[in-house]
Protein backbone atom coordinates (compact mmCIF):
# COMPACT_ATOMS: atom_id res chain seq x y z
CA UNK A 1 218.35 152.75 178.22
CA UNK A 2 216.34 153.53 175.10
CA UNK A 3 213.34 151.70 176.49
CA UNK A 4 213.60 153.68 179.73
CA UNK A 5 213.81 156.96 177.81
CA UNK A 6 210.76 156.01 175.78
CA UNK A 7 208.85 155.15 178.94
CA UNK A 8 209.73 158.54 180.44
CA UNK A 9 208.63 160.24 177.21
CA UNK A 10 205.30 158.40 177.30
CA UNK A 11 204.72 159.47 180.91
CA UNK A 12 205.54 163.09 180.07
CA UNK A 13 203.23 163.03 177.05
CA UNK A 14 200.42 161.51 179.12
CA UNK A 15 200.85 164.23 181.72
CA UNK A 16 200.85 166.88 179.02
CA UNK A 17 197.72 165.32 177.51
CA UNK A 18 195.88 165.36 180.83
CA UNK A 19 196.95 168.97 181.42
CA UNK A 20 195.85 170.00 177.93
CA UNK A 21 192.43 168.43 178.57
CA UNK A 22 192.09 170.59 181.68
CA UNK A 23 193.21 173.71 179.84
CA UNK A 24 190.77 173.15 176.99
CA UNK A 25 187.82 172.83 179.32
CA UNK A 26 189.05 175.62 181.58
CA UNK A 27 189.09 177.95 178.60
CA UNK A 28 185.59 176.80 177.70
CA UNK A 29 184.47 177.18 181.33
CA UNK A 30 185.68 180.79 181.31
CA UNK A 31 183.13 181.32 178.55
CA UNK A 32 180.71 178.99 180.34
CA UNK A 33 180.24 176.03 177.99
CA UNK A 34 176.88 175.17 176.53
CA UNK A 35 175.51 171.93 177.96
CA UNK A 36 173.24 169.61 175.97
CA UNK A 37 171.76 166.51 177.58
CA UNK A 38 170.12 163.95 175.26
CA UNK A 39 167.92 161.38 176.99
CA UNK A 40 166.44 158.40 175.14
CA UNK A 41 163.51 156.41 176.54
CA UNK A 42 164.20 152.67 177.02
CA UNK A 43 167.35 152.55 174.88
CA UNK A 44 169.30 149.41 175.77
CA UNK A 45 172.99 149.17 176.63
CA UNK A 46 173.65 147.04 173.54
CA UNK A 47 171.42 148.97 171.10
CA UNK A 48 174.17 151.10 169.50
CA UNK A 49 176.89 150.08 167.09
CA UNK A 50 179.53 151.59 169.39
CA UNK A 51 178.24 149.29 172.14
CA UNK A 52 178.37 146.17 170.03
CA UNK A 53 175.12 145.99 168.05
CA UNK A 54 175.62 144.33 164.69
CA UNK A 55 172.00 144.71 163.58
CA UNK A 56 171.02 148.26 164.51
CA UNK A 57 172.75 151.03 162.59
CA UNK A 58 173.81 154.17 164.46
CA UNK A 59 176.49 155.93 162.37
CA UNK A 60 175.97 159.36 163.95
CA UNK A 61 176.30 158.12 167.52
CA UNK A 62 179.20 155.87 166.57
CA UNK A 63 180.90 158.97 165.18
CA UNK A 64 180.09 160.90 168.36
CA UNK A 65 181.65 158.08 170.40
CA UNK A 66 184.95 158.64 168.59
CA UNK A 67 185.13 162.13 170.10
CA UNK A 68 183.61 161.28 173.50
CA UNK A 69 184.15 159.49 176.77
CA UNK A 70 182.30 156.22 176.33
CA UNK A 71 181.22 154.60 179.59
CA UNK A 72 180.94 150.82 179.47
CA UNK A 73 179.50 150.53 183.00
CA UNK A 74 177.07 153.45 183.26
CA UNK A 75 173.92 152.72 185.23
CA UNK A 76 170.47 154.24 185.46
CA UNK A 77 169.25 155.04 188.96
CA UNK A 78 166.18 152.89 188.36
CA UNK A 79 165.09 150.10 186.05
CA UNK A 80 162.09 152.20 184.93
CA UNK A 81 161.87 155.80 183.80
CA UNK A 82 160.54 158.15 186.51
CA UNK A 83 163.01 157.17 189.27
CA UNK A 84 165.94 157.73 186.90
CA UNK A 85 164.54 161.03 185.67
CA UNK A 86 164.08 162.21 189.25
CA UNK A 87 167.69 161.29 190.02
CA UNK A 88 168.88 163.06 186.88
CA UNK A 89 167.06 166.26 187.80
CA UNK A 90 168.09 166.33 191.48
CA UNK A 91 171.33 164.38 191.84
CA UNK A 92 169.57 162.46 194.62
CA UNK A 93 168.68 158.80 194.88
CA UNK A 94 165.09 158.00 193.82
CA UNK A 95 164.35 156.64 197.31
CA UNK A 96 165.37 159.97 198.85
CA UNK A 97 163.12 161.83 196.40
CA UNK A 98 160.22 159.43 197.03
CA UNK A 99 159.83 158.24 193.42
CA UNK A 100 160.65 154.55 193.11
CA UNK A 101 158.24 153.55 190.32
CA UNK A 102 157.21 155.00 187.01
CA UNK A 103 154.42 157.55 187.38
CA UNK A 104 151.62 156.58 188.10
CA UNK A 105 153.07 153.08 188.54
CA UNK A 106 151.85 149.50 188.58
CA UNK A 107 148.98 148.35 190.81
CA UNK A 108 149.40 145.53 193.31
CA UNK A 109 145.87 144.32 192.58
CA UNK A 110 145.90 140.58 192.03
CA UNK A 111 149.33 140.23 193.65
CA UNK A 112 150.14 138.84 197.10
CA UNK A 113 152.30 141.77 198.26
CA UNK A 114 151.23 145.33 199.00
CA UNK A 115 153.46 147.98 197.47
CA UNK A 116 154.52 151.17 199.28
CA UNK A 117 153.03 154.55 198.43
CA UNK A 118 154.92 156.55 195.84
CA UNK A 119 154.92 160.19 194.76
CA UNK A 120 153.20 161.08 191.48
CA UNK A 121 155.36 164.16 190.84
CA UNK A 122 158.78 165.61 191.56
CA UNK A 123 158.38 167.89 194.61
CA UNK A 124 158.77 171.56 193.78
CA UNK A 125 161.03 172.05 196.79
CA UNK A 126 163.67 169.83 195.19
CA UNK A 127 166.49 171.85 193.64
CA UNK A 128 166.85 170.73 190.03
CA UNK A 129 169.85 170.82 187.77
CA UNK A 130 168.01 173.35 185.61
CA UNK A 131 167.54 175.66 188.59
CA UNK A 132 171.26 175.41 189.36
CA UNK A 133 172.17 176.33 185.78
CA UNK A 134 169.58 179.10 185.61
CA UNK A 135 170.85 180.65 188.87
CA UNK A 136 174.28 180.88 187.26
CA UNK A 137 172.95 182.78 184.26
CA UNK A 138 172.20 179.94 181.85
CA UNK A 139 169.21 179.97 179.55
CA UNK A 140 167.39 176.67 180.11
CA UNK A 141 165.33 174.57 177.72
CA UNK A 142 163.50 171.22 177.83
CA UNK A 143 161.96 169.34 174.90
CA UNK A 144 160.01 166.10 175.13
CA UNK A 145 159.12 163.48 177.67
CA UNK A 146 159.18 164.64 181.32
CA UNK A 147 157.30 161.93 183.26
CA UNK A 148 157.81 163.64 186.63
CA UNK A 149 154.36 165.15 187.10
CA UNK A 150 151.71 166.97 185.12
CA UNK A 151 150.22 170.45 185.35
CA UNK A 152 151.89 172.44 188.11
CA UNK A 153 154.88 170.10 188.19
CA UNK A 154 156.14 170.36 184.62
CA UNK A 155 159.61 171.52 183.53
CA UNK A 156 158.26 175.08 183.62
CA UNK A 157 158.00 174.87 187.40
CA UNK A 158 161.35 173.10 187.77
CA UNK A 159 163.81 175.62 186.37
CA UNK A 160 163.30 175.34 182.62
CA UNK A 161 162.49 178.72 181.10
CA UNK A 162 161.43 177.16 177.80
CA UNK A 163 159.52 173.89 177.43
CA UNK A 164 158.30 172.19 174.28
CA UNK A 165 156.32 168.94 174.20
CA UNK A 166 153.63 167.90 171.72
CA UNK A 167 151.69 166.25 174.54
CA UNK A 168 151.70 169.31 176.79
CA UNK A 169 148.78 171.64 175.93
CA UNK A 170 149.61 171.86 172.20
CA UNK A 171 148.47 174.97 170.43
CA UNK A 172 145.48 174.70 168.14
CA UNK A 173 146.60 173.87 164.64
CA UNK A 174 150.01 172.66 165.74
CA UNK A 175 151.21 169.68 163.67
CA UNK A 176 152.16 168.07 166.98
CA UNK A 177 148.66 168.34 168.43
CA UNK A 178 148.26 164.63 167.93
CA UNK A 179 151.73 163.11 167.91
CA UNK A 180 150.52 159.78 166.54
CA UNK A 181 149.05 161.47 163.49
CA UNK A 182 152.17 163.61 163.06
CA UNK A 183 155.05 161.22 163.65
CA UNK A 184 155.00 158.11 165.82
CA UNK A 185 157.13 159.66 168.55
CA UNK A 186 157.69 163.21 167.24
CA UNK A 187 161.48 162.83 167.43
CA UNK A 188 162.05 165.13 164.47
CA UNK A 189 159.71 167.77 165.92
CA UNK A 190 161.47 167.68 169.29
CA UNK A 191 164.84 168.01 167.58
CA UNK A 192 163.49 170.93 165.53
CA UNK A 193 162.51 172.73 168.74
CA UNK A 194 165.91 172.13 170.32
CA UNK A 195 167.69 173.37 167.22
CA UNK A 196 165.48 176.47 167.12
CA UNK A 197 166.30 177.22 170.76
CA UNK A 198 170.04 176.97 170.17
CA UNK A 199 169.82 179.07 167.01
CA UNK A 200 168.01 181.84 168.88
CA UNK A 201 169.81 181.67 172.22
CA UNK A 202 173.35 180.29 171.93
CA UNK A 203 174.84 183.58 170.76
CA UNK A 204 173.32 185.42 173.72
CA UNK A 205 175.03 183.39 176.44
CA UNK A 206 175.46 179.90 177.86
CA UNK A 207 172.58 177.45 177.49
CA UNK A 208 171.49 174.25 179.19
CA UNK A 209 169.26 172.12 176.97
CA UNK A 210 167.57 168.76 177.49
CA UNK A 211 166.30 166.82 174.47
CA UNK A 212 164.21 163.97 175.88
CA UNK A 213 162.98 161.61 173.18
CA UNK A 214 159.84 159.48 173.40
CA UNK A 215 161.66 156.98 171.20
CA UNK A 216 162.36 154.10 171.60
CA UNK A 217 159.52 153.41 174.03
CA UNK A 218 156.44 151.47 173.01
CA UNK A 219 154.33 151.60 170.95
CA UNK A 220 156.86 150.22 168.51
CA UNK A 221 155.93 152.05 165.32
CA UNK A 222 158.32 151.73 162.41
CA UNK A 223 159.79 154.65 160.49
CA UNK A 224 158.50 153.42 157.14
CA UNK A 225 161.36 154.84 155.07
CA UNK A 226 163.83 152.46 156.76
CA UNK A 227 161.65 149.42 157.41
CA UNK A 228 162.50 147.46 154.26
CA UNK A 229 166.19 148.20 154.78
CA UNK A 230 166.19 146.53 158.19
CA UNK A 231 164.08 143.65 156.95
CA UNK A 232 166.77 142.93 154.39
CA UNK A 233 169.43 143.01 157.12
CA UNK A 234 167.86 140.10 158.98
CA UNK A 235 169.91 136.95 158.89
CA UNK A 236 168.21 134.06 157.16
CA UNK A 237 167.44 130.95 159.20
CA UNK A 238 168.47 130.45 162.83
CA UNK A 239 165.03 130.93 164.32
CA UNK A 240 165.20 132.89 167.57
CA UNK A 241 164.65 131.06 170.86
CA UNK A 242 163.66 133.38 173.69
CA UNK A 243 165.10 132.95 177.17
CA UNK A 244 163.05 132.31 180.29
CA UNK A 245 163.27 134.73 183.22
CA UNK A 246 161.07 133.26 185.94
CA UNK A 247 157.55 133.69 184.47
CA UNK A 248 158.73 136.05 181.72
CA UNK A 249 160.45 135.78 178.34
CA UNK A 250 163.60 137.63 177.27
CA UNK A 251 164.45 138.33 173.62
CA UNK A 252 167.66 136.53 172.74
CA UNK A 253 168.81 138.68 169.81
CA UNK A 254 168.18 141.99 168.10
CA UNK A 255 165.99 141.17 165.14
CA UNK A 256 163.05 143.58 165.17
CA UNK A 257 163.02 145.74 162.02
CA UNK A 258 160.43 148.22 163.42
CA UNK A 259 162.48 148.73 166.58
CA UNK A 260 165.68 149.08 164.54
CA UNK A 261 164.09 151.92 162.55
CA UNK A 262 163.30 153.74 165.81
CA UNK A 263 166.89 153.41 167.02
CA UNK A 264 168.05 154.67 163.64
CA UNK A 265 165.67 157.64 163.88
CA UNK A 266 167.16 158.68 167.22
CA UNK A 267 170.62 158.39 165.68
CA UNK A 268 169.56 160.53 162.73
CA UNK A 269 168.13 163.25 164.97
CA UNK A 270 171.24 163.35 167.16
CA UNK A 271 173.30 163.79 164.01
CA UNK A 272 171.10 166.73 162.97
CA UNK A 273 171.57 168.36 166.35
CA UNK A 274 175.36 167.92 166.38
CA UNK A 275 175.68 169.27 162.83
CA UNK A 276 173.64 172.31 163.84
CA UNK A 277 175.90 172.92 166.83
CA UNK A 278 178.91 172.66 164.53
CA UNK A 279 177.34 175.10 162.05
CA UNK A 280 176.66 177.55 164.88
CA UNK A 281 180.27 177.26 165.99
CA UNK A 282 179.39 176.02 169.48
CA UNK A 283 180.10 172.28 169.32
CA UNK A 284 183.66 172.68 170.58
CA UNK A 285 182.44 175.03 173.31
CA UNK A 286 179.90 172.52 174.55
CA UNK A 287 179.44 169.49 176.76
CA UNK A 288 177.12 166.96 175.12
CA UNK A 289 175.76 163.99 177.07
CA UNK A 290 173.84 161.08 175.53
CA UNK A 291 172.22 158.38 177.67
CA UNK A 292 169.07 156.35 178.44
CA UNK A 293 166.66 156.32 181.39
CA UNK A 294 166.81 152.52 181.89
CA UNK A 295 167.76 149.29 180.19
CA UNK A 296 166.18 148.12 176.96
CA UNK A 297 162.76 146.47 176.97
CA UNK A 298 163.71 142.84 176.34
CA UNK A 299 161.67 140.97 178.97
CA UNK A 300 157.88 140.71 179.23
CA UNK A 301 155.37 138.27 180.69
CA UNK A 302 153.58 137.19 177.50
CA UNK A 303 155.97 137.89 174.67
CA UNK A 304 159.57 139.04 174.77
CA UNK A 305 160.33 142.75 174.36
CA UNK A 306 161.47 144.43 171.12
CA UNK A 307 165.23 144.40 171.80
CA UNK A 308 167.93 142.23 173.35
CA UNK A 309 170.47 143.34 175.95
CA UNK A 310 172.67 140.25 175.69
CA UNK A 311 175.22 139.50 176.94
CA UNK A 312 173.51 141.26 179.87
CA UNK A 313 170.64 139.50 181.64
CA UNK A 314 166.96 140.53 181.37
CA UNK A 315 165.87 144.11 180.68
CA UNK A 316 163.75 147.07 181.69
CA UNK A 317 161.99 146.55 185.02
CA UNK A 318 164.57 144.08 186.34
CA UNK A 319 167.56 144.82 188.57
CA UNK A 320 169.74 142.46 186.60
CA UNK A 321 172.33 144.26 184.47
CA UNK A 322 170.11 144.39 181.39
CA UNK A 323 167.58 146.49 183.26
CA UNK A 324 169.94 149.11 184.68
CA UNK A 325 173.10 149.31 182.56
CA UNK A 326 172.78 151.98 179.88
CA UNK A 327 174.85 153.63 177.15
CA UNK A 328 176.54 156.89 178.15
CA UNK A 329 178.57 159.17 175.91
CA UNK A 330 180.05 162.41 177.26
CA UNK A 331 181.54 164.68 174.60
CA UNK A 332 183.83 167.34 176.06
CA UNK A 333 185.11 170.43 174.23
CA UNK A 334 188.46 168.73 173.58
CA UNK A 335 186.71 166.10 171.45
CA UNK A 336 188.97 163.31 172.69
CA UNK A 337 188.02 159.63 172.62
CA UNK A 338 188.23 157.61 175.82
CA UNK A 339 186.69 154.45 177.24
CA UNK A 340 185.83 154.41 180.95
CA UNK A 341 184.99 151.08 182.57
CA UNK A 342 184.17 152.26 186.11
CA UNK A 343 180.51 152.45 187.28
CA UNK A 344 178.80 155.84 187.08
CA UNK A 345 175.12 156.19 188.11
CA UNK A 346 172.55 158.77 186.95
CA UNK A 347 172.85 160.88 190.13
CA UNK A 348 176.49 161.60 189.25
CA UNK A 349 175.57 163.61 186.15
CA UNK A 350 174.15 166.50 188.21
CA UNK A 351 177.37 167.39 190.12
CA UNK A 352 179.60 166.38 187.20
CA UNK A 353 177.97 168.78 184.73
CA UNK A 354 177.98 171.66 187.21
CA UNK A 355 181.63 170.98 188.01
CA UNK A 356 182.65 170.71 184.35
CA UNK A 357 180.89 174.01 183.62
CA UNK A 358 182.74 175.70 186.48
CA UNK A 359 179.55 176.39 188.43
CA UNK A 360 178.98 176.24 192.21
CA UNK A 361 177.90 172.98 193.82
CA UNK A 362 174.24 172.46 194.64
CA UNK A 363 173.24 173.83 198.03
CA UNK A 364 171.13 170.71 198.57
CA UNK A 365 172.71 167.51 199.87
CA UNK A 366 172.93 165.13 196.93
CA UNK A 367 173.96 161.51 196.45
CA UNK A 368 175.84 161.94 193.20
CA UNK A 369 179.57 162.67 193.01
CA UNK A 370 181.52 164.63 190.41
CA UNK A 371 183.57 162.77 187.80
CA UNK A 372 185.42 165.89 186.66
CA UNK A 373 188.78 164.66 187.95
CA UNK A 374 188.40 161.37 186.09
CA UNK A 375 187.22 163.01 182.88
CA UNK A 376 189.87 165.73 182.77
CA UNK A 377 192.91 164.66 184.76
CA UNK A 378 192.63 160.87 184.55
CA UNK A 379 192.20 160.66 188.30
CA UNK A 380 190.89 157.36 189.72
CA UNK A 381 187.10 157.18 189.42
CA UNK A 382 184.94 157.57 192.54
CA UNK A 383 184.52 154.32 194.46
CA UNK A 384 181.50 153.60 196.62
CA UNK A 385 178.66 151.08 196.81
CA UNK A 386 175.68 151.53 194.49
CA UNK A 387 172.11 150.76 195.52
CA UNK A 388 168.87 150.13 193.64
CA UNK A 389 165.43 149.78 195.22
CA UNK A 390 162.36 148.80 193.22
CA UNK A 391 159.63 147.58 195.62
CA UNK A 392 156.96 147.35 192.93
CA UNK A 393 155.48 145.00 190.36
CA UNK A 394 156.21 145.52 186.68
CA UNK A 395 154.89 144.15 183.41
CA UNK A 396 158.32 142.72 182.68
CA UNK A 397 157.70 140.05 185.32
CA UNK A 398 159.64 141.78 188.09
CA UNK A 399 157.98 141.25 191.48
CA UNK A 400 159.89 143.66 193.72
CA UNK A 401 163.30 143.83 195.33
CA UNK A 402 166.58 145.65 195.87
CA UNK A 403 170.16 145.36 194.66
CA UNK A 404 173.64 146.40 195.76
CA UNK A 405 176.84 146.51 193.73
CA UNK A 406 180.18 146.92 195.48
CA UNK A 407 183.73 146.19 194.32
CA UNK A 408 182.50 143.95 191.52
CA UNK A 409 180.09 141.98 193.70
CA UNK A 410 176.36 142.30 193.16
CA UNK A 411 173.61 141.18 195.52
CA UNK A 412 169.96 141.03 194.49
CA UNK A 413 167.27 140.51 197.12
CA UNK A 414 163.73 139.61 196.03
CA UNK A 415 160.79 140.95 198.06
CA UNK A 416 158.40 138.10 197.39
CA UNK A 417 160.34 135.38 199.19
CA UNK A 418 163.46 137.06 200.60
CA UNK A 419 165.64 135.07 198.20
CA UNK A 420 169.12 136.46 197.56
CA UNK A 421 171.36 136.03 194.56
CA UNK A 422 175.06 136.88 194.41
CA UNK A 423 177.16 137.51 191.31
CA UNK A 424 180.74 138.58 190.63
CA UNK A 425 180.39 140.85 187.61
CA UNK A 426 184.03 141.04 186.43
CA UNK A 427 183.91 137.31 185.70
CA UNK A 428 180.19 136.97 185.05
CA UNK A 429 178.64 140.10 183.49
CA UNK A 430 175.67 138.04 182.32
CA UNK A 431 174.81 137.05 185.91
CA UNK A 432 174.53 133.39 185.00
CA UNK A 433 176.31 131.93 188.06
CA UNK A 434 174.61 132.53 191.41
CA UNK A 435 177.34 132.32 194.06
CA UNK A 436 175.11 132.86 197.10
CA UNK A 437 175.37 129.27 198.33
CA UNK A 438 179.17 129.24 198.00
CA UNK A 439 179.77 132.71 199.46
CA UNK A 440 177.61 133.00 202.61
CA UNK A 441 180.03 135.48 204.19
CA UNK A 442 179.86 137.85 201.23
CA UNK A 443 176.05 137.53 201.16
CA UNK A 444 175.88 138.43 204.86
CA UNK A 445 178.26 141.38 204.39
CA UNK A 446 176.37 142.87 201.45
CA UNK A 447 172.98 142.14 203.03
CA UNK A 448 173.97 144.15 206.08
CA UNK A 449 175.09 147.06 203.88
CA UNK A 450 171.82 146.93 201.94
CA UNK A 451 169.71 146.78 205.12
CA UNK A 452 171.57 149.72 206.68
CA UNK A 453 171.16 151.79 203.54
CA UNK A 454 167.41 151.12 203.31
CA UNK A 455 166.93 151.97 206.99
CA UNK A 456 168.95 155.17 206.63
CA UNK A 457 166.59 156.40 203.91
CA UNK A 458 163.45 154.87 205.42
CA UNK A 459 162.91 153.08 202.12
CA UNK A 460 159.39 151.79 201.50
CA UNK A 461 159.00 148.04 201.36
CA UNK A 462 156.60 145.45 200.07
CA UNK A 463 154.66 143.48 202.71
CA UNK A 464 152.29 140.56 202.54
CA UNK A 465 148.70 141.74 202.31
CA UNK A 466 147.79 139.45 205.19
CA UNK A 467 150.20 141.40 207.42
CA UNK A 468 148.68 144.76 206.51
CA UNK A 469 145.19 143.43 207.16
CA UNK A 470 146.23 142.24 210.65
CA UNK A 471 147.76 145.61 211.44
C-alpha cells in the first residue's frame, strides 16, 4: 500500500514537473525569449567532458549541460559544414536546398566518378530562420563563419540585421583585419561582438543571435597560454596506434595538445557569453543552443585528424557515426537538466526554436519537425527515418554515398561500387559489425526506402566518367 502511494506521488510530481516546465517557458514566451545559437566548426561528439572526454577540459560547457537538455544522439544534416549550415538556416534537407558539399567543394579530378553539380551559395529565395525571427519583431545578429555564399549571399541578405566577421570586408585598422595575426581563429573577437550586441539590444526587445566559431577547424593553432598545461596532461607511454578506414587513417585517442587548447578556448568563450547573459538578467529568459556543424576531424588520407570520436567510427566527411553525430545542448529558461537519447537532426532546430519562442511556423515547407512537446511536456520524441546524401569526394578518404537510419538500423551505400553495409546501432554504436550478409531482407527494405527518398528529391548522384562521356 505504501509502495503504491509512493508510486502515485511520483507520477503526480512528474506531471507537476512537466506542467511547470511548460508554464516557465510560456511565461518567457509571453515576453518572447531571447534565442542564442552557438555553432562550433568541426567539434566532435566526444570532444566535451560532458560527452565523455577525459583529456579535453570544458568546465563551462559541462556546467551548462547541468542546466540543459543534453542530446546523446543529435546528428548534423551533413558530414561537412555547408550542407549542415544550409539545413540549420532553412529547416530543409541539404538535398532539397541543393547544397550537398562544402562550398566550393572537392574536385573529382583524378577520380573515376563524376560528381553532381552543387550550389555555391544559399539561394536568396529560401526563407531562413533569421527572416522568420525578424518578421516576428526580433532583432537578429550573426557573428563568424557563414560558409553559405559570399558577397550578395551573406547573412546580411538572409535576414540578419547585424553581421560581424573578421573575414568579411574588415574595416581599415580593425584588429581583426588579418585574423591570423590577431588570434588564430578570432574566437574572443567574435564573442566580444556577440556580447556587445546583447548589451546594446537585449533591453530593447527579443533578440536572435548566432555565434559561429571558426574554431576548432584547421589550421590547428594552439592557444599558447594553455599549451603546456595540455602537454602535461598527456599520459606517459602507450604509444597511439591509428585505425585504418579504407585508404585513410583514424586517430584512436584524444592526445593533441594544440587541438585541446582550441576546444578549451571555445569553452572559455561560451562561459564569457553565458556570464554576460546572467549579468544582463536575460539568461533565464533565453533559449541557448550549443552544437557543431559535423563530426570531429579524426580521419584523413595521409595522417589521422586532430581528434578522436571513439567509440564512434571515423569522422568528418564520412557517413559513419563519427562523421555525423554531434554534441547538442539546449538550455531552456527553466534551467533543468535532462538527457535525451532519441535522434534529432539539424533541420529540427528551425521549427523547434520557433515553436519554443511561441512564433508562427515557417510558411515554407520544411523537413524538420518541432521537439517542443518532448522538451517541455516529456512527450515521445518524433519518429521518422533520417537520410544523409554525400555524393562527393572528401579529403578524409570518403568517396561518395548515402545513408539511412531507421528504428535503430543504419544502411550505408557507397557510390563507387554500390556496396552496402548494415548496422544495428543500439547494440553496435561503433559500427564494427556489418550485418548486410545476414540480414538481406532488412537491406532490401532500407535500400528501397533510400531509393524512393532520393528519387523524390531528385538527388544528384555520382556516375562513372565513362558513362558521362558516352552520353
